[in-house]
């Protein structure tokens, strides 16, 4: 698709639960609420699992973004991670 933009950068996941996450990026992005993103991040579990999730941005302030997962099922490594860490 021509409407897809690829960008990469560092982010720190500040909050994470079954519904979504809040993250801090290293730069200020012009990403308005309603934007769909594909995020890839590494869990701090023993395997350093890589998780890829589709999200929709719900709020943005400076370098912080809040986003909800587009899928409610976490049949990847995120499901057990969330269950173990009770977040």
C-alpha atoms as a PDB file:
ATOM      1  CA  UNK A   1       0.000   0.000   0.000  1.00  0.00           C
ATOM      2  CA  UNK A   2       1.136   3.533  -0.726  1.00  0.00           C
ATOM      3  CA  UNK A   3      -0.397   4.815   2.518  1.00  0.00           C
ATOM      4  CA  UNK A   4       1.991   2.771   4.678  1.00  0.00           C
ATOM      5  CA  UNK A   5       4.942   4.556   6.203  1.00  0.00           C
ATOM      6  CA  UNK A   6       7.900   2.677   7.621  1.00  0.00           C
ATOM      7  CA  UNK A   7       9.799   4.202  10.469  1.00  0.00           C
ATOM      8  CA  UNK A   8      11.934   2.776  13.186  1.00  0.00           C
ATOM      9  CA  UNK A   9      13.338   4.029  16.422  1.00  0.00           C
ATOM     10  CA  UNK A  10      13.817   3.209  20.038  1.00  0.00           C
ATOM     11  CA  UNK A  11      10.907   3.055  22.427  1.00  0.00           C
ATOM     12  CA  UNK A  12      10.466   2.132  26.049  1.00  0.00           C
ATOM     13  CA  UNK A  13       7.273   0.366  27.040  1.00  0.00           C
ATOM     14  CA  UNK A  14       6.162   2.163  30.223  1.00  0.00           C
ATOM     15  CA  UNK A  15       2.872   0.338  30.860  1.00  0.00           C
ATOM     16  CA  UNK A  16       1.615  -2.926  29.430  1.00  0.00           C
ATOM     17  CA  UNK A  17      -1.584  -4.899  29.955  1.00  0.00           C
ATOM     18  CA  UNK A  18      -3.930  -7.164  28.006  1.00  0.00           C
ATOM     19  CA  UNK A  19      -5.704  -4.204  26.371  1.00  0.00           C
ATOM     20  CA  UNK A  20      -2.762  -2.091  25.290  1.00  0.00           C
ATOM     21  CA  UNK A  21       0.346  -0.208  26.220  1.00  0.00           C
ATOM     22  CA  UNK A  22       1.918   3.164  26.845  1.00  0.00           C
ATOM     23  CA  UNK A  23       5.328   3.859  25.421  1.00  0.00           C
ATOM     24  CA  UNK A  24       7.916   6.584  25.308  1.00  0.00           C
ATOM     25  CA  UNK A  25       9.801   7.198  22.078  1.00  0.00           C
ATOM     26  CA  UNK A  26      13.161   8.870  21.677  1.00  0.00           C
ATOM     27  CA  UNK A  27      11.742  11.574  19.383  1.00  0.00           C
ATOM     28  CA  UNK A  28       8.485  13.504  19.094  1.00  0.00           C
ATOM     29  CA  UNK A  29       6.357  11.947  16.363  1.00  0.00           C
ATOM     30  CA  UNK A  30       3.473  13.453  14.429  1.00  0.00           C
ATOM     31  CA  UNK A  31       1.280  10.391  14.979  1.00  0.00           C
ATOM     32  CA  UNK A  32      -2.344  11.379  15.562  1.00  0.00           C
ATOM     33  CA  UNK A  33      -4.822   9.274  17.574  1.00  0.00           C
ATOM     34  CA  UNK A  34      -6.535   6.776  15.298  1.00  0.00           C
ATOM     35  CA  UNK A  35      -3.288   5.836  13.533  1.00  0.00           C
ATOM     36  CA  UNK A  36      -2.665   2.104  13.196  1.00  0.00           C
ATOM     37  CA  UNK A  37       0.857   0.923  13.916  1.00  0.00           C
ATOM     38  CA  UNK A  38       2.735  -2.361  13.934  1.00  0.00           C
ATOM     39  CA  UNK A  39       5.016  -2.393  16.965  1.00  0.00           C
ATOM     40  CA  UNK A  40       7.832  -4.818  17.628  1.00  0.00           C
ATOM     41  CA  UNK A  41       9.297  -4.970  21.114  1.00  0.00           C
ATOM     42  CA  UNK A  42      11.328  -7.281  23.340  1.00  0.00           C
ATOM     43  CA  UNK A  43       9.939  -8.614  26.606  1.00  0.00           C
ATOM     44  CA  UNK A  44      12.149  -8.742  29.697  1.00  0.00           C
ATOM     45  CA  UNK A  45      11.440 -12.455  30.133  1.00  0.00           C
ATOM     46  CA  UNK A  46      14.108 -15.188  30.253  1.00  0.00           C
ATOM     47  CA  UNK A  47      13.898 -15.753  26.478  1.00  0.00           C
ATOM     48  CA  UNK A  48      13.939 -12.024  25.613  1.00  0.00           C
ATOM     49  CA  UNK A  49      10.889 -12.792  23.467  1.00  0.00           C
ATOM     50  CA  UNK A  50      10.217 -10.557  20.481  1.00  0.00           C
ATOM     51  CA  UNK A  51       6.557  -9.559  20.204  1.00  0.00           C
ATOM     52  CA  UNK A  52       4.931  -7.973  17.157  1.00  0.00           C
ATOM     53  CA  UNK A  53       1.512  -6.359  17.687  1.00  0.00           C
ATOM     54  CA  UNK A  54      -0.903  -4.265  15.672  1.00  0.00           C
ATOM     55  CA  UNK A  55      -2.158  -1.314  17.689  1.00  0.00           C
ATOM     56  CA  UNK A  56      -4.218   1.831  17.293  1.00  0.00           C
ATOM     57  CA  UNK A  57      -2.925   5.030  18.864  1.00  0.00           C
ATOM     58  CA  UNK A  58      -5.453   6.355  21.393  1.00  0.00           C
ATOM     59  CA  UNK A  59      -3.522   9.333  22.796  1.00  0.00           C
ATOM     60  CA  UNK A  60      -0.277  11.200  22.253  1.00  0.00           C
ATOM     61  CA  UNK A  61       1.620  13.724  24.323  1.00  0.00           C
ATOM     62  CA  UNK A  62       5.148  14.797  23.385  1.00  0.00           C
ATOM     63  CA  UNK A  63       7.194  11.589  23.229  1.00  0.00           C
ATOM     64  CA  UNK A  64       4.534   9.413  24.890  1.00  0.00           C
ATOM     65  CA  UNK A  65       1.986   7.328  22.999  1.00  0.00           C
ATOM     66  CA  UNK A  66      -0.893   5.256  24.335  1.00  0.00           C
ATOM     67  CA  UNK A  67      -2.253   2.520  22.110  1.00  0.00           C
ATOM     68  CA  UNK A  68      -4.741  -0.331  22.269  1.00  0.00           C
ATOM     69  CA  UNK A  69      -4.126  -3.746  20.798  1.00  0.00           C
ATOM     70  CA  UNK A  70      -6.284  -4.447  17.741  1.00  0.00           C
ATOM     71  CA  UNK A  71      -6.529  -8.100  18.780  1.00  0.00           C
ATOM     72  CA  UNK A  72      -7.721  -9.135  22.232  1.00  0.00           C
ATOM     73  CA  UNK A  73      -6.044 -12.528  22.004  1.00  0.00           C
ATOM     74  CA  UNK A  74      -2.402 -12.920  22.932  1.00  0.00           C
ATOM     75  CA  UNK A  75      -1.500 -16.419  21.768  1.00  0.00           C
ATOM     76  CA  UNK A  76       2.136 -15.396  21.353  1.00  0.00           C
ATOM     77  CA  UNK A  77       4.693 -14.989  24.163  1.00  0.00           C
ATOM     78  CA  UNK A  78       2.861 -11.919  25.453  1.00  0.00           C
ATOM     79  CA  UNK A  79      -0.038 -13.995  26.855  1.00  0.00           C
ATOM     80  CA  UNK A  80       2.046 -16.055  29.303  1.00  0.00           C
ATOM     81  CA  UNK A  81       4.145 -12.980  30.119  1.00  0.00           C
ATOM     82  CA  UNK A  82       1.077 -10.973  31.136  1.00  0.00           C
ATOM     83  CA  UNK A  83      -0.321 -13.913  33.123  1.00  0.00           C
ATOM     84  CA  UNK A  84       2.940 -14.414  35.020  1.00  0.00           C
ATOM     85  CA  UNK A  85       3.455 -10.728  35.718  1.00  0.00           C
ATOM     86  CA  UNK A  86      -0.219 -10.063  36.496  1.00  0.00           C
ATOM     87  CA  UNK A  87      -0.304  -6.723  34.731  1.00  0.00           C
END
